[in-house]
Amino acid sequence: MDWAISREAELARPFLRPLVVDEEALTLLNDSITSRRYLKCLSFSEEGIASLARSLSSELFAWLAKEVERARDRNRLSTLGVLRDAEATVHGLAEAIKAVVHPHRSTNPLSIADLRVRLNSLRPSTPLALEEIRDLLDTLQRQNLLSGVAYDDEFIYLSEERYSFKSRLHLDLKRRVARKAVEMVRTGDHLALDGGSTVLELTHQLISRLKGGALKNISIVTHFIPAAYLLLNMLSDQGLGDINSVCTVYVAGGRARPISLTLISAGNLLADLKTGEGDVSLEDGAGIRGMLEALGGVDMAFLGTNGVFLDKWFAVSNPHEVFAKRLMLQHARQRVILADASKFAVQLNEPFAFFEQGLTIITAPDPEYSHALEDARQAIEPTSSSLVFA
């Protein structure tokens, strides 16, 4: 019995089950035996032994049922683990493809063969054949994990700049840029926040400082829905009202774009772009122009960018974004462009800010884009703009 009790401790489950044939024997045993459940066989008659058999069968069945359920749970957990691992692998591959494809547009597409080389260099332990790359692209596209990416059997490129596409790319670089940018903000400043994933990282930094009391009395004009939501949610969590000493948020009205999560004109925007008239809103007072003018301009405008134009301008891929950016620049005393190094490798056709505008350009170096960043540095150096490294 001592051995059985030791074995039970090793297994961490019941191992010893006493069978009592004489109840007086219980008085001779220690509490570790008498305190546990036991079976009785107080009669060696046919009925007594049959009763013992039924009890033993019942006990064994109950034990077996529990063991089967435990095994099912272990198998279920194992299956879920495999599914989670597979999902993580698929999403990881999608993110890797996005990062590789990001600098390429229809004018400079990436060959599928070169994509294979780049992916295999990132995952040398599990190289993929060319046909596997094509099958992988089809699978990811069916799962809507490559939204905004166009490809055929030979080439692949980014056809549309989507917020969901960019939000997880180069996060470390964007956070470094955001941390550098927030150092420029002072208590009492009026700010304009453009759209974009780097501006969202800046919003997180601003919220951290506002919550900690390092910044106060900040006024923010934005058309970027996620930034407005995060700021308002922070104020709500702190129980602050419309008038408070922490932060006031002005959101421009208009039509919401799912692609960029920003608000733009509800009218004929392209006509506005050509004439330079109109506002990003249904009503002049609710638009970016009206809000910026009501505040007497802003101390700083923080703008994101998707790329550059002819190494002289910052640019985006869609003209819908240009008008609001130019309004922010026009009404800002200090113009700040947030651009991680990857942006200098992308050539786009919709410029909104040129290097001669006295911009403060905050970037974060990355070895992969060192050549593009060096070209940008040389282009910016003789202008009135300054390049700041995070």
Protein backbone atom coordinates (compact mmCIF):
# COMPACT_ATOMS: atom_id res chain seq x y z
CA MET A 1 0.00 0.00 0.00
CA ASP A 2 2.89 2.37 0.68
CA TRP A 3 4.19 1.69 -2.83
CA ALA A 4 0.71 2.25 -4.32
CA ILE A 5 0.31 5.56 -2.50
CA SER A 6 3.75 6.72 -3.77
CA ARG A 7 2.78 5.68 -7.29
CA GLU A 8 -0.45 7.64 -6.96
CA ALA A 9 1.52 10.82 -6.14
CA GLU A 10 3.68 10.30 -9.24
CA LEU A 11 0.65 9.87 -11.51
CA ALA A 12 -1.31 12.73 -9.89
CA ARG A 13 -4.50 10.68 -10.13
CA PRO A 14 -6.24 7.95 -8.12
CA PHE A 15 -4.31 4.68 -8.29
CA LEU A 16 -5.26 2.82 -5.10
CA ARG A 17 -8.90 1.78 -4.56
CA PRO A 18 -9.40 -0.38 -1.41
CA LEU A 19 -11.67 -3.44 -1.46
CA VAL A 20 -12.97 -4.06 2.05
CA VAL A 21 -13.90 -7.63 3.00
CA ASP A 22 -13.87 -7.00 6.76
CA GLU A 23 -14.90 -3.60 8.07
CA GLU A 24 -12.90 -4.15 11.28
CA ALA A 25 -9.77 -4.06 9.15
CA LEU A 26 -10.36 -0.33 8.54
CA THR A 27 -9.43 0.35 12.17
CA LEU A 28 -5.96 -1.01 11.51
CA LEU A 29 -5.21 1.32 8.57
CA ASN A 30 -4.10 4.98 8.51
CA ASP A 31 -6.28 7.91 7.47
CA SER A 32 -4.82 8.07 3.95
CA ILE A 33 -6.55 4.73 3.28
CA THR A 34 -9.73 4.96 5.33
CA SER A 35 -10.57 8.48 4.12
CA ARG A 36 -10.81 7.46 0.48
CA ARG A 37 -13.64 5.81 -1.38
CA TYR A 38 -13.60 2.03 -1.24
CA LEU A 39 -15.51 -0.98 -2.51
CA LYS A 40 -17.18 -3.52 -0.20
CA CYS A 41 -17.44 -7.25 -0.41
CA LEU A 42 -18.78 -8.24 2.96
CA SER A 43 -20.32 -11.44 1.71
CA PHE A 44 -18.72 -14.12 -0.45
CA SER A 45 -22.09 -15.30 -1.60
CA GLU A 46 -22.98 -15.25 -5.29
CA GLU A 47 -25.06 -12.11 -4.75
CA GLY A 48 -22.32 -10.41 -2.72
CA ILE A 49 -19.70 -11.02 -5.42
CA ALA A 50 -22.15 -9.91 -8.14
CA SER A 51 -22.76 -6.70 -6.22
CA LEU A 52 -19.01 -6.13 -5.99
CA ALA A 53 -18.69 -6.73 -9.75
CA ARG A 54 -21.38 -4.16 -10.48
CA SER A 55 -19.72 -1.62 -8.21
CA LEU A 56 -16.32 -2.26 -9.75
CA SER A 57 -17.72 -1.97 -13.29
CA SER A 58 -19.43 1.28 -12.37
CA GLU A 59 -16.25 2.71 -10.87
CA LEU A 60 -14.13 1.66 -13.87
CA PHE A 61 -16.67 3.07 -16.32
CA ALA A 62 -16.73 6.42 -14.49
CA TRP A 63 -12.93 6.52 -14.51
CA LEU A 64 -12.75 5.59 -18.18
CA ALA A 65 -15.34 8.24 -19.12
CA LYS A 66 -13.26 10.90 -17.38
CA GLU A 67 -10.08 9.72 -19.12
CA VAL A 68 -11.79 9.78 -22.53
CA GLU A 69 -13.03 13.32 -21.90
CA ARG A 70 -9.54 14.41 -20.83
CA ALA A 71 -8.10 12.87 -23.99
CA ARG A 72 -10.70 14.69 -26.08
CA ASP A 73 -9.81 17.96 -24.39
CA ARG A 74 -6.11 17.38 -25.03
CA ASN A 75 -6.82 16.52 -28.66
CA ARG A 76 -9.14 19.51 -29.01
CA LEU A 77 -6.47 21.81 -27.59
CA SER A 78 -3.90 20.25 -29.87
CA THR A 79 -6.15 20.76 -32.92
CA LEU A 80 -6.82 24.37 -31.95
CA GLY A 81 -3.09 24.87 -31.52
CA VAL A 82 -2.44 23.53 -35.02
CA LEU A 83 -5.14 25.80 -36.44
CA ARG A 84 -3.73 28.81 -34.60
CA ASP A 85 -0.24 28.01 -35.85
CA ALA A 86 -1.54 27.64 -39.40
CA GLU A 87 -3.43 30.93 -39.16
CA ALA A 88 -0.36 32.69 -37.79
CA THR A 89 1.74 31.28 -40.65
CA VAL A 90 -0.77 32.40 -43.29
CA HIS A 91 -1.04 35.90 -41.84
CA GLY A 92 2.75 36.07 -41.51
CA LEU A 93 3.17 35.18 -45.18
CA ALA A 94 0.58 37.81 -46.16
CA GLU A 95 2.41 40.48 -44.16
CA ALA A 96 5.75 39.46 -45.67
CA ILE A 97 4.33 39.68 -49.20
CA LYS A 98 2.83 43.11 -48.48
CA ALA A 99 6.15 44.40 -47.20
CA VAL A 100 7.97 43.17 -50.30
CA VAL A 101 5.32 44.40 -52.75
CA HIS A 102 4.71 47.78 -51.10
CA PRO A 103 7.22 49.85 -53.19
CA HIS A 104 5.92 48.38 -56.48
CA ARG A 105 3.12 49.87 -58.57
CA SER A 106 1.83 49.18 -62.07
CA THR A 107 4.70 51.26 -63.47
CA ASN A 108 7.36 49.17 -61.70
CA PRO A 109 5.80 45.76 -60.95
CA LEU A 110 7.71 43.02 -59.17
CA SER A 111 8.12 39.71 -60.98
CA ILE A 112 6.69 36.63 -59.25
CA ALA A 113 10.15 35.05 -59.60
CA ASP A 114 11.73 37.94 -57.68
CA LEU A 115 8.96 37.74 -55.07
CA ARG A 116 9.86 34.07 -54.59
CA VAL A 117 13.51 34.95 -54.07
CA ARG A 118 12.65 37.64 -51.52
CA LEU A 119 10.24 35.43 -49.60
CA ASN A 120 12.65 32.49 -49.52
CA SER A 121 15.39 34.76 -48.20
CA LEU A 122 13.06 35.66 -45.32
CA ARG A 123 12.14 31.99 -44.70
CA PRO A 124 15.24 29.95 -45.68
CA SER A 125 14.13 26.89 -43.68
CA THR A 126 10.96 26.41 -45.78
CA PRO A 127 11.65 27.59 -49.35
CA LEU A 128 8.74 27.73 -51.79
CA ALA A 129 8.73 26.77 -55.46
CA LEU A 130 7.38 29.15 -58.09
CA GLU A 131 4.09 27.28 -58.47
CA GLU A 132 3.69 27.20 -54.69
CA ILE A 133 4.07 31.00 -54.64
CA ARG A 134 1.30 31.32 -57.22
CA ASP A 135 -0.95 28.95 -55.25
CA LEU A 136 -0.16 30.88 -52.09
CA LEU A 137 -1.17 34.18 -53.72
CA ASP A 138 -4.48 32.67 -54.84
CA THR A 139 -5.14 31.33 -51.32
CA LEU A 140 -4.35 34.63 -49.62
CA GLN A 141 -6.48 36.54 -52.12
CA ARG A 142 -9.46 34.24 -51.48
CA GLN A 143 -9.07 34.94 -47.76
CA ASN A 144 -9.02 38.69 -48.48
CA LEU A 145 -5.54 38.99 -46.99
CA LEU A 146 -4.05 40.74 -50.04
CA SER A 147 -6.61 43.48 -50.57
CA GLY A 148 -5.25 46.15 -52.91
CA VAL A 149 -2.68 43.82 -54.51
CA ALA A 150 -2.88 42.95 -58.22
CA TYR A 151 -0.99 40.05 -59.80
CA ASP A 152 -0.94 37.62 -62.70
CA ASP A 153 1.29 34.66 -63.52
CA GLU A 154 4.31 36.90 -64.08
CA PHE A 155 4.05 40.12 -62.04
CA ILE A 156 2.65 41.54 -58.81
CA TYR A 157 2.19 45.13 -57.61
CA LEU A 158 0.21 47.32 -55.22
CA SER A 159 -2.85 48.59 -57.06
CA GLU A 160 -4.45 50.52 -54.20
CA GLU A 161 -3.13 52.02 -50.96
CA ARG A 162 -5.47 50.71 -48.27
CA TYR A 163 -5.25 51.63 -44.61
CA SER A 164 -5.70 47.98 -43.58
CA PHE A 165 -2.79 47.10 -45.88
CA LYS A 166 -0.39 49.68 -44.49
CA SER A 167 -1.34 49.67 -40.82
CA ARG A 168 0.83 46.66 -39.93
CA LEU A 169 3.80 47.43 -42.19
CA HIS A 170 7.05 48.75 -40.68
CA LEU A 171 5.44 49.26 -37.28
CA ASP A 172 8.75 49.63 -35.47
CA LEU A 173 9.85 52.41 -37.84
CA LYS A 174 6.50 54.20 -37.51
CA ARG A 175 6.67 54.09 -33.71
CA ARG A 176 10.15 55.56 -33.75
CA VAL A 177 8.96 58.38 -36.00
CA ALA A 178 5.93 58.99 -33.77
CA ARG A 179 8.01 59.15 -30.59
CA LYS A 180 10.28 61.72 -32.21
CA ALA A 181 7.33 63.75 -33.49
CA VAL A 182 5.50 63.96 -30.16
CA GLU A 183 8.57 65.60 -28.60
CA MET A 184 7.74 68.69 -30.69
CA VAL A 185 4.31 69.19 -29.11
CA ARG A 186 3.92 71.64 -26.21
CA THR A 187 1.07 72.32 -23.78
CA GLY A 188 -1.53 74.63 -25.31
CA ASP A 189 -0.66 73.77 -28.93
CA HIS A 190 -3.22 73.62 -31.73
CA LEU A 191 -2.57 70.60 -33.97
CA ALA A 192 -3.84 69.26 -37.27
CA LEU A 193 -3.69 65.49 -37.70
CA ASP A 194 -3.79 63.97 -41.16
CA GLY A 195 -4.68 60.33 -41.86
CA GLY A 196 -2.35 57.36 -42.01
CA SER A 197 -0.85 54.60 -39.89
CA THR A 198 2.12 56.70 -38.75
CA VAL A 199 -0.22 59.48 -37.64
CA LEU A 200 -2.15 56.84 -35.69
CA GLU A 201 1.06 55.91 -33.85
CA LEU A 202 1.54 59.62 -33.10
CA THR A 203 -2.02 59.69 -31.73
CA HIS A 204 -1.13 56.88 -29.31
CA GLN A 205 1.91 58.88 -28.17
CA LEU A 206 -0.20 62.01 -27.68
CA ILE A 207 -2.77 60.09 -25.65
CA SER A 208 -0.06 58.68 -23.41
CA ARG A 209 1.23 62.17 -22.64
CA LEU A 210 -2.23 63.63 -22.18
CA LYS A 211 -3.17 60.88 -19.73
CA GLY A 212 0.09 61.33 -17.83
CA GLY A 213 -0.35 65.11 -17.61
CA ALA A 214 2.77 65.93 -19.63
CA LEU A 215 0.55 67.75 -22.14
CA LYS A 216 -2.58 69.85 -21.49
CA ASN A 217 -4.97 72.16 -23.32
CA ILE A 218 -4.30 70.59 -26.72
CA SER A 219 -6.70 71.37 -29.58
CA ILE A 220 -6.76 68.90 -32.45
CA VAL A 221 -8.37 69.24 -35.89
CA THR A 222 -8.55 66.00 -37.84
CA HIS A 223 -10.44 64.17 -40.56
CA PHE A 224 -8.89 60.83 -39.52
CA ILE A 225 -11.62 58.70 -37.93
CA PRO A 226 -9.38 56.30 -35.90
CA ALA A 227 -7.43 59.20 -34.36
CA ALA A 228 -10.62 61.03 -33.41
CA TYR A 229 -12.08 57.86 -31.90
CA LEU A 230 -8.99 57.11 -29.79
CA LEU A 231 -8.79 60.67 -28.49
CA LEU A 232 -12.50 60.88 -27.67
CA ASN A 233 -12.45 57.45 -26.06
CA MET A 234 -9.57 58.54 -23.83
CA LEU A 235 -11.47 61.67 -22.77
CA SER A 236 -14.61 59.63 -22.12
CA ASP A 237 -12.71 57.08 -20.00
CA GLN A 238 -11.40 59.93 -17.86
CA GLY A 239 -14.92 61.25 -17.34
CA LEU A 240 -14.18 64.59 -19.02
CA GLY A 241 -16.88 66.78 -20.54
CA ASP A 242 -17.11 68.93 -23.64
CA ILE A 243 -15.11 71.67 -21.95
CA ASN A 244 -11.97 70.37 -20.26
CA SER A 245 -8.33 71.29 -19.72
CA VAL A 246 -6.89 68.21 -21.43
CA CYS A 247 -7.89 68.08 -25.10
CA THR A 248 -10.51 69.38 -27.52
CA VAL A 249 -11.14 67.44 -30.72
CA TYR A 250 -12.56 69.00 -33.91
CA VAL A 251 -13.64 66.46 -36.55
CA ALA A 252 -14.27 67.61 -40.11
CA GLY A 253 -17.56 66.42 -41.56
CA GLY A 254 -17.97 64.91 -45.00
CA ARG A 255 -17.96 61.58 -46.80
CA ALA A 256 -16.01 58.74 -45.16
CA ARG A 257 -13.51 56.76 -47.25
CA PRO A 258 -13.16 53.06 -46.31
CA ILE A 259 -9.79 52.99 -48.05
CA SER A 260 -8.12 55.63 -45.87
CA LEU A 261 -10.65 55.96 -43.00
CA THR A 262 -10.67 59.73 -43.55
CA LEU A 263 -13.49 62.18 -44.26
CA ILE A 264 -13.52 64.05 -47.55
CA SER A 265 -15.83 66.36 -49.48
CA ALA A 266 -19.32 65.14 -50.14
CA GLY A 267 -19.41 67.22 -53.31
CA ASN A 268 -17.43 67.22 -56.55
CA LEU A 269 -13.96 66.87 -55.09
CA LEU A 270 -12.13 66.61 -58.39
CA ALA A 271 -13.68 69.88 -59.54
CA ASP A 272 -12.60 71.46 -56.25
CA LEU A 273 -9.07 70.24 -56.84
CA LYS A 274 -8.97 71.88 -60.26
CA THR A 275 -10.41 75.20 -59.15
CA GLY A 276 -8.88 75.34 -55.67
CA GLU A 277 -12.29 76.14 -54.22
CA GLY A 278 -14.65 74.35 -51.89
CA ASP A 279 -14.00 72.58 -48.61
CA VAL A 280 -13.72 69.06 -47.28
CA SER A 281 -17.26 69.00 -45.96
CA LEU A 282 -20.94 69.43 -46.65
CA GLU A 283 -20.86 72.82 -44.95
CA ASP A 284 -17.99 75.28 -44.92
CA GLY A 285 -17.99 75.70 -41.15
CA ALA A 286 -17.80 71.93 -40.52
CA GLY A 287 -14.94 71.33 -42.90
CA ILE A 288 -11.21 71.37 -42.36
CA ARG A 289 -10.86 74.85 -43.84
CA GLY A 290 -13.57 76.29 -41.58
CA MET A 291 -12.14 74.69 -38.44
CA LEU A 292 -8.56 75.68 -39.18
CA GLU A 293 -9.61 79.26 -39.82
CA ALA A 294 -11.76 79.36 -36.66
CA LEU A 295 -8.71 78.36 -34.60
CA GLY A 296 -6.56 80.99 -36.31
CA GLY A 297 -4.47 78.23 -37.86
CA VAL A 298 -2.55 75.53 -36.01
CA ASP A 299 0.90 75.45 -34.45
CA MET A 300 1.75 72.19 -36.19
CA ALA A 301 0.26 69.97 -38.88
CA PHE A 302 1.36 66.34 -38.83
CA LEU A 303 0.92 64.68 -42.21
CA GLY A 304 1.52 61.19 -43.46
CA THR A 305 2.73 60.36 -46.95
CA ASN A 306 2.54 57.33 -49.22
CA GLY A 307 5.64 58.15 -51.26
CA VAL A 308 7.43 60.83 -53.25
CA PHE A 309 6.99 62.49 -56.63
CA LEU A 310 10.05 63.16 -58.82
CA ASP A 311 12.24 63.45 -55.68
CA LYS A 312 10.81 66.95 -55.14
CA TRP A 313 7.37 66.41 -53.60
CA PHE A 314 5.66 64.17 -51.12
CA ALA A 315 2.81 62.33 -52.78
CA VAL A 316 -0.16 59.99 -52.37
CA SER A 317 -1.73 57.54 -54.76
CA ASN A 318 -5.22 59.04 -54.78
CA PRO A 319 -6.21 62.67 -55.56
CA HIS A 320 -9.01 62.44 -52.96
CA GLU A 321 -6.41 62.81 -50.19
CA VAL A 322 -4.58 65.81 -51.65
CA PHE A 323 -7.00 68.62 -50.89
CA ALA A 324 -7.18 68.10 -47.11
CA LYS A 325 -3.41 67.75 -46.86
CA ARG A 326 -2.82 71.02 -48.69
CA LEU A 327 -5.34 72.81 -46.46
CA MET A 328 -3.51 71.60 -43.35
CA LEU A 329 -0.16 72.74 -44.73
CA GLN A 330 -1.60 76.11 -45.70
CA HIS A 331 -2.91 76.83 -42.18
CA ALA A 332 0.04 75.47 -40.17
CA ARG A 333 2.90 77.49 -38.72
CA GLN A 334 5.07 74.35 -38.71
CA ARG A 335 4.61 71.62 -41.29
CA VAL A 336 5.70 68.12 -40.24
CA ILE A 337 5.82 65.15 -42.58
CA LEU A 338 6.00 61.70 -40.96
CA ALA A 339 7.70 59.27 -43.33
CA ASP A 340 9.47 56.04 -42.47
CA ALA A 341 12.33 55.13 -44.80
CA SER A 342 10.19 52.83 -46.97
CA LYS A 343 8.16 55.81 -48.25
CA PHE A 344 11.18 57.26 -50.07
CA ALA A 345 11.34 54.13 -52.23
CA VAL A 346 7.81 54.64 -53.61
CA GLN A 347 7.18 56.92 -56.58
CA LEU A 348 3.60 58.25 -56.83
CA ASN A 349 1.75 60.69 -59.06
CA GLU A 350 -0.39 62.85 -56.74
CA PRO A 351 1.91 65.41 -55.03
CA PHE A 352 0.73 67.48 -52.06
CA ALA A 353 3.85 69.01 -50.42
CA PHE A 354 7.13 70.02 -52.05
CA PHE A 355 10.55 70.12 -50.43
CA GLU A 356 10.80 73.90 -50.78
CA GLN A 357 7.95 74.48 -48.30
CA GLY A 358 10.16 74.50 -45.21
CA LEU A 359 8.99 71.10 -44.03
CA THR A 360 10.23 69.22 -41.00
CA ILE A 361 10.57 65.66 -42.27
CA ILE A 362 10.84 63.00 -39.56
CA THR A 363 12.01 59.59 -40.70
CA ALA A 364 13.50 56.39 -39.29
CA PRO A 365 16.37 54.72 -41.16
CA ASP A 366 16.15 51.14 -42.31
CA PRO A 367 18.99 49.19 -43.99
CA GLU A 368 16.62 47.83 -46.63
CA TYR A 369 15.84 51.37 -47.84
CA SER A 370 19.22 52.99 -47.22
CA HIS A 371 19.79 53.89 -50.89
CA ALA A 372 16.36 55.51 -51.27
CA LEU A 373 16.83 57.43 -48.03
CA GLU A 374 20.26 58.67 -49.08
CA ASP A 375 18.83 59.89 -52.41
CA ALA A 376 16.09 61.72 -50.48
CA ARG A 377 18.64 63.27 -48.11
CA GLN A 378 20.62 64.66 -51.02
CA ALA A 379 17.44 66.03 -52.64
CA ILE A 380 16.22 67.67 -49.40
CA GLU A 381 19.55 69.07 -48.17
CA PRO A 382 19.71 72.12 -50.51
CA THR A 383 16.05 73.05 -49.87
CA SER A 384 14.37 74.91 -47.00
CA SER A 385 13.20 71.62 -45.49
CA SER A 386 15.05 69.66 -42.82
CA LEU A 387 15.41 65.90 -42.38
CA VAL A 388 15.20 64.66 -38.77
CA PHE A 389 16.17 61.08 -37.91
CA ALA A 390 14.34 59.18 -35.20
